Each structure stands twice: as structure tokens, then as C-alpha cells.
Protein backbone atom coordinates (compact mmCIF):
# COMPACT_ATOMS: atom_id res chain seq x y z
CA UNK A 1 136.85 85.18 30.98
CA UNK A 2 136.41 82.05 28.89
CA UNK A 3 139.51 79.92 29.50
CA UNK A 4 139.49 78.61 25.92
CA UNK A 5 139.53 82.19 24.68
CA UNK A 6 142.38 83.01 27.05
CA UNK A 7 144.43 80.12 25.68
CA UNK A 8 143.83 81.28 22.10
CA UNK A 9 144.80 84.87 22.85
CA UNK A 10 148.09 83.78 24.41
CA UNK A 11 149.33 82.87 20.92
CA UNK A 12 147.94 85.67 18.73
CA UNK A 13 149.75 88.88 17.81
CA UNK A 14 148.28 92.29 18.55
CA UNK A 15 148.66 93.08 14.84
CA UNK A 16 146.37 90.20 13.88
CA UNK A 17 143.85 91.16 16.55
CA UNK A 18 143.89 94.76 15.31
CA UNK A 19 142.95 93.56 11.82
CA UNK A 20 140.17 91.33 13.19
CA UNK A 21 138.75 94.30 15.10
CA UNK A 22 139.10 96.61 12.12
CA UNK A 23 136.99 94.17 10.09
CA UNK A 24 134.29 94.85 12.69
CA UNK A 25 134.64 98.61 12.33
CA UNK A 26 136.81 99.12 15.44
CA UNK A 27 139.78 101.30 14.52
CA UNK A 28 141.15 102.65 17.81
CA UNK A 29 141.62 99.66 20.11
CA UNK A 30 145.43 99.70 20.31
CA UNK A 31 146.79 101.51 23.36
CA UNK A 32 149.16 103.91 21.68
CA UNK A 33 152.68 104.60 22.89
CA UNK A 34 153.15 101.75 25.37
CA UNK A 35 155.94 99.17 25.22
CA UNK A 36 156.74 96.10 27.30
CA UNK A 37 159.31 96.14 30.08
CA UNK A 38 161.35 92.95 29.88
CA UNK A 39 159.03 91.04 27.52
CA UNK A 40 158.40 87.62 29.03
CA UNK A 41 158.03 85.71 25.77
CA UNK A 42 154.29 85.13 25.98
CA UNK A 43 151.25 87.34 25.67
CA UNK A 44 149.65 89.22 28.53
CA UNK A 45 145.94 88.30 28.59
CA UNK A 46 143.20 89.20 31.05
CA UNK A 47 140.09 91.27 31.72
CA UNK A 48 140.64 94.97 32.42
CA UNK A 49 140.51 96.39 35.94
CA UNK A 50 140.98 100.14 35.70
CA UNK A 51 142.41 103.06 37.63
CA UNK A 52 141.92 106.66 36.53
CA UNK A 53 144.26 109.52 37.39
CA UNK A 54 143.41 113.20 37.11
CA UNK A 55 145.76 116.20 37.32
CA UNK A 56 147.09 116.57 40.85
CA UNK A 57 146.29 119.61 42.98
CA UNK A 58 148.95 120.46 45.54
CA UNK A 59 146.69 120.67 48.59
CA UNK A 60 145.31 117.18 47.90
CA UNK A 61 148.48 115.34 46.94
CA UNK A 62 151.14 115.54 49.65
CA UNK A 63 153.11 112.47 50.78
CA UNK A 64 150.80 112.10 53.76
CA UNK A 65 148.10 110.88 51.35
CA UNK A 66 149.88 107.54 51.13
CA UNK A 67 149.08 106.99 54.83
CA UNK A 68 145.39 106.92 53.94
CA UNK A 69 144.30 103.23 53.73
CA UNK A 70 141.63 104.26 51.24
CA UNK A 71 144.07 105.86 48.79
CA UNK A 72 142.73 104.72 45.37
CA UNK A 73 146.11 103.77 43.93
CA UNK A 74 146.83 101.44 46.83
CA UNK A 75 143.27 100.11 46.90
CA UNK A 76 143.43 99.33 43.18
CA UNK A 77 146.54 97.22 43.74
CA UNK A 78 144.87 95.40 46.64
CA UNK A 79 141.53 94.79 44.92
CA UNK A 80 142.46 94.01 41.31
CA UNK A 81 141.12 90.45 40.92
CA UNK A 82 143.59 87.63 40.17
CA UNK A 83 143.91 87.04 36.46
CA UNK A 84 142.99 90.63 35.59
CA UNK A 85 145.14 93.33 34.01
CA UNK A 86 145.37 96.64 35.87
CA UNK A 87 145.04 99.40 33.25
CA UNK A 88 145.91 102.95 34.31
CA UNK A 89 144.74 106.15 32.69
CA UNK A 90 147.70 108.43 33.39
CA UNK A 91 146.64 111.03 30.80
CA UNK A 92 149.63 110.05 28.61
CA UNK A 93 151.82 111.95 31.08
CA UNK A 94 155.06 110.22 32.01
CA UNK A 95 156.55 113.17 33.88
CA UNK A 96 155.49 111.41 37.10
CA UNK A 97 155.25 107.70 37.82
CA UNK A 98 152.01 105.73 37.67
CA UNK A 99 153.45 103.15 40.10
CA UNK A 100 156.75 101.61 41.19
CA UNK A 101 158.28 98.21 41.74
CA UNK A 102 156.81 97.63 45.22
CA UNK A 103 153.22 98.11 44.05
CA UNK A 104 153.80 96.06 40.90
CA UNK A 105 155.37 93.31 42.98
CA UNK A 106 152.31 93.28 45.23
CA UNK A 107 150.05 93.00 42.18
CA UNK A 108 152.17 90.11 40.91
CA UNK A 109 151.99 88.28 44.25
CA UNK A 110 148.21 88.71 44.30
CA UNK A 111 147.96 86.99 40.90
CA UNK A 112 147.54 89.96 38.57
CA UNK A 113 147.87 89.09 34.88
CA UNK A 114 149.67 92.34 34.06
CA UNK A 115 149.76 96.11 34.37
CA UNK A 116 149.51 98.85 31.74
CA UNK A 117 149.99 102.61 31.98
CA UNK A 118 150.01 105.29 29.30
CA UNK A 119 152.41 107.10 31.62
CA UNK A 120 155.62 105.77 33.15
CA UNK A 121 156.79 103.51 35.96
CA UNK A 122 159.52 104.26 38.45
CA UNK A 123 162.04 101.50 39.26
CA UNK A 124 161.50 100.37 35.68
CA UNK A 125 164.59 98.14 35.52
CA UNK A 126 163.39 96.22 38.57
CA UNK A 127 159.86 95.89 37.18
CA UNK A 128 161.33 94.51 33.95
CA UNK A 129 162.77 91.60 35.94
CA UNK A 130 159.51 90.72 37.71
CA UNK A 131 157.41 87.76 36.62
CA UNK A 132 154.47 89.91 35.54
CA UNK A 133 153.91 91.61 32.17
CA UNK A 134 154.19 95.39 32.41
CA UNK A 135 153.74 98.06 29.73
CA UNK A 136 154.41 101.80 29.89
CA UNK A 137 155.72 104.66 27.77
CA UNK A 138 159.06 105.31 29.50
CA UNK A 139 160.72 105.24 32.94
CA UNK A 140 159.66 108.02 35.31
CA UNK A 141 161.16 108.62 38.74
CA UNK A 142 158.97 111.34 40.35
CA UNK A 143 156.24 110.00 42.62
CA UNK A 144 152.76 110.02 41.10
CA UNK A 145 151.60 112.61 43.65
CA UNK A 146 153.62 115.32 41.91
CA UNK A 147 151.40 115.19 38.81
CA UNK A 148 148.61 112.62 39.25
CA UNK A 149 145.76 112.09 41.66
CA UNK A 150 144.30 108.58 41.67
CA UNK A 151 140.59 109.35 41.61
CA UNK A 152 138.47 106.42 40.37
CA UNK A 153 138.71 102.63 40.46
CA UNK A 154 137.19 100.35 37.82
CA UNK A 155 135.30 102.88 35.75
CA UNK A 156 135.58 103.57 31.99
CA UNK A 157 138.89 105.18 31.06
CA UNK A 158 140.99 106.24 28.11
CA UNK A 159 144.48 104.73 27.97
CA UNK A 160 146.80 105.74 25.17
CA UNK A 161 143.78 107.06 23.23
CA UNK A 162 141.98 103.72 23.44
CA UNK A 163 138.65 103.37 25.28
CA UNK A 164 138.81 100.79 28.05
CA UNK A 165 135.78 99.51 29.93
CA UNK A 166 136.09 97.25 32.98
CA UNK A 167 136.00 93.65 31.82
CA UNK A 168 137.28 94.35 28.30
CA UNK A 169 139.92 91.82 27.33
CA UNK A 170 143.47 93.17 27.31
CA UNK A 171 146.16 91.51 25.19
CA UNK A 172 149.79 92.57 25.10
CA UNK A 173 152.60 91.13 23.00
CA UNK A 174 156.21 92.07 22.24
CA UNK A 175 155.01 95.19 20.39
CA UNK A 176 152.11 96.77 22.25
CA UNK A 177 148.67 96.31 23.85
CA UNK A 178 145.15 96.04 22.43
CA UNK A 179 141.68 96.23 23.97
CA UNK A 180 139.01 93.74 22.82
CA UNK A 181 135.42 94.58 23.80
CA UNK A 182 134.29 91.84 26.15
CA UNK A 183 131.17 90.95 24.19
CA UNK A 184 133.07 89.92 21.06
CA UNK A 185 136.25 88.50 22.61
CA UNK A 186 135.35 84.85 21.98
CA UNK A 187 134.54 85.32 18.29
CA UNK A 188 137.54 87.60 17.70
CA UNK A 189 139.90 85.07 19.29
CA UNK A 190 138.51 82.23 17.17
CA UNK A 191 138.80 84.23 13.95
CA UNK A 192 142.29 85.45 14.83
CA UNK A 193 143.49 81.87 15.31
CA UNK A 194 142.38 81.15 11.74
CA UNK A 195 144.04 84.33 10.51
CA UNK A 196 147.28 83.41 12.28
CA UNK A 197 147.33 79.97 10.67
CA UNK A 198 146.97 81.51 7.21
CA UNK A 199 149.62 84.13 7.94
CA UNK A 200 152.05 81.40 9.01
CA UNK A 201 151.36 79.63 5.74
CA UNK A 202 151.92 82.87 3.80
CA UNK A 203 155.26 83.51 5.49
CA UNK A 204 156.42 80.04 4.51
CA UNK A 205 155.31 80.61 0.92
CA UNK A 206 156.95 84.03 0.68
CA UNK A 207 160.23 82.67 2.03
CA UNK A 208 160.05 80.05 -0.71
CA UNK A 209 159.82 82.82 -3.33
CA UNK A 210 156.06 83.13 -3.84
CA UNK A 211 154.65 86.53 -4.83
CA UNK A 212 152.19 88.12 -2.42
CA UNK A 213 149.82 89.04 -5.27
CA UNK A 214 146.84 86.72 -4.97
CA UNK A 215 148.36 85.14 -1.87
CA UNK A 216 147.98 87.88 0.73
CA UNK A 217 145.12 88.48 0.84
CA UNK A 218 144.04 85.22 -0.71
CA UNK A 219 142.26 85.88 -4.01
CA UNK A 220 143.24 82.71 -5.88
CA UNK A 221 141.68 79.31 -5.35
CA UNK A 222 145.05 77.62 -5.83
CA UNK A 223 146.37 79.25 -2.66
CA UNK A 224 143.31 78.25 -0.67
CA UNK A 225 143.82 74.66 -1.82
CA UNK A 226 147.50 74.77 -0.93
CA UNK A 227 146.65 76.25 2.48
CA UNK A 228 144.21 73.43 3.22
CA UNK A 229 146.90 70.87 2.35
CA UNK A 230 149.44 72.77 4.48
CA UNK A 231 147.08 72.76 7.49
CA UNK A 232 146.51 69.05 7.19
CA UNK A 233 150.24 68.35 6.91
CA UNK A 234 151.10 70.63 9.86
CA UNK A 235 148.12 69.71 12.03
CA UNK A 236 146.95 73.32 12.08
């Protein structure tokens, strides 16, 4: 992805991005239900690399499957490109794990930018301490084979009710995760930087006692003038 866009997205909240996407008619880009494990203090940003699970069938999902070098879950960990975010469609089912700390550690060592599941991770406390952003719904100890069969790598998926296509830009903050269609990521990032600057100005004004009417959203020229002066003063 564009490195300038990456740098911009590192500083923008998912809430602001959600508004920028809504202005473009995109309403369902937030991955619902996921939360960060051990938030690292900066955004997770990277193109999506996907893994899709389907319901497990007992004759196909015994422990011996992990001996198969072509097992899709393992292959996804070993082939996710550096700088990408591995996004897992776990059917919003956290009754079995999507992955555990060993696989997430391997992804981290290979340079992955993060991992997201709309299910759960086992060894969640250990994952929270790793130097890689990770998002899930809740801890889950049972192995994925009990409920999930990893079936497809890097195809279109649904994750937490959001559509995710390979290469879409994934951004996660302290709250949640959003999916930006790849084709509009640059323009959305640029607009969101401007939105963030104005929101920072608004917060300062509100703390000083200013009413939000006419200020947020800006419908009075006096606020636009004051914002321009604020940007100049604060080098924003």
C-alpha cells in the first residue's frame, strides 16, 4: 500500500474513518464485535490477507490434520505477506479458537502487521503481550478443529458482518477494526486527516465552554475562520 497513506492511517481513529466511509455511502465497514488484546498504543494498519473457516465435520477435522503441511490455517500463517493483516472469517463463533499464541508469534516474526478474528484466540493473555496487534471477540481454549475447518486462503470473506476483500486496507485502534476498500484508501486517509484536525479543534473549543451548535458540524463562518487560525498556530 501507499506508504504515505499508511502513515496517515496510523493516527486516525476508526470512528473518523467510519464517518468518512459513510459519506461515500458505505455503512457496514466496521468489523463488529472485535476488541484489541493488549492495545499497543498505535493503530494496526495493513492490507488484508484472508482466511475463511467453515463449520467443521468430524471426519475431516481430527488432530492428525495438523500434520498435513498443506493445512490452510498453517499455510495462511506462513504465506501472509509482511506488512499485511491476517483477517479470519470464523463465522462469529468463539466456541473454538481461530488460532493460538504459537501461530500468532510466527506471524509476528514473519512481519505481519496484525491479526483479526470474529471468533476467539486461545492463549489470549500471551497474545496480548506480543508485539503484534491482535483483535478478537473473546478468549477461546478449544482447538479450532472442534468447530472450524480452515478452507480457503485469500478469498473474499465476511468478518464480523463486514465484507473483506484481499488487499482492502485494515485499520484497528483502541476500540475496533474497520475495512477500507483498497481503491479509495488514499482519498479516505487524506480526508480523515482533515477531519481529525477539525475534531481536535472542536474538542479544544468545547473544553473551553463553546456550544456544539454551529461548531460541530461547522455551519458558521466564524468557526471556520477560528479553525484556520488554530491550524496555523498549531502547525496542523
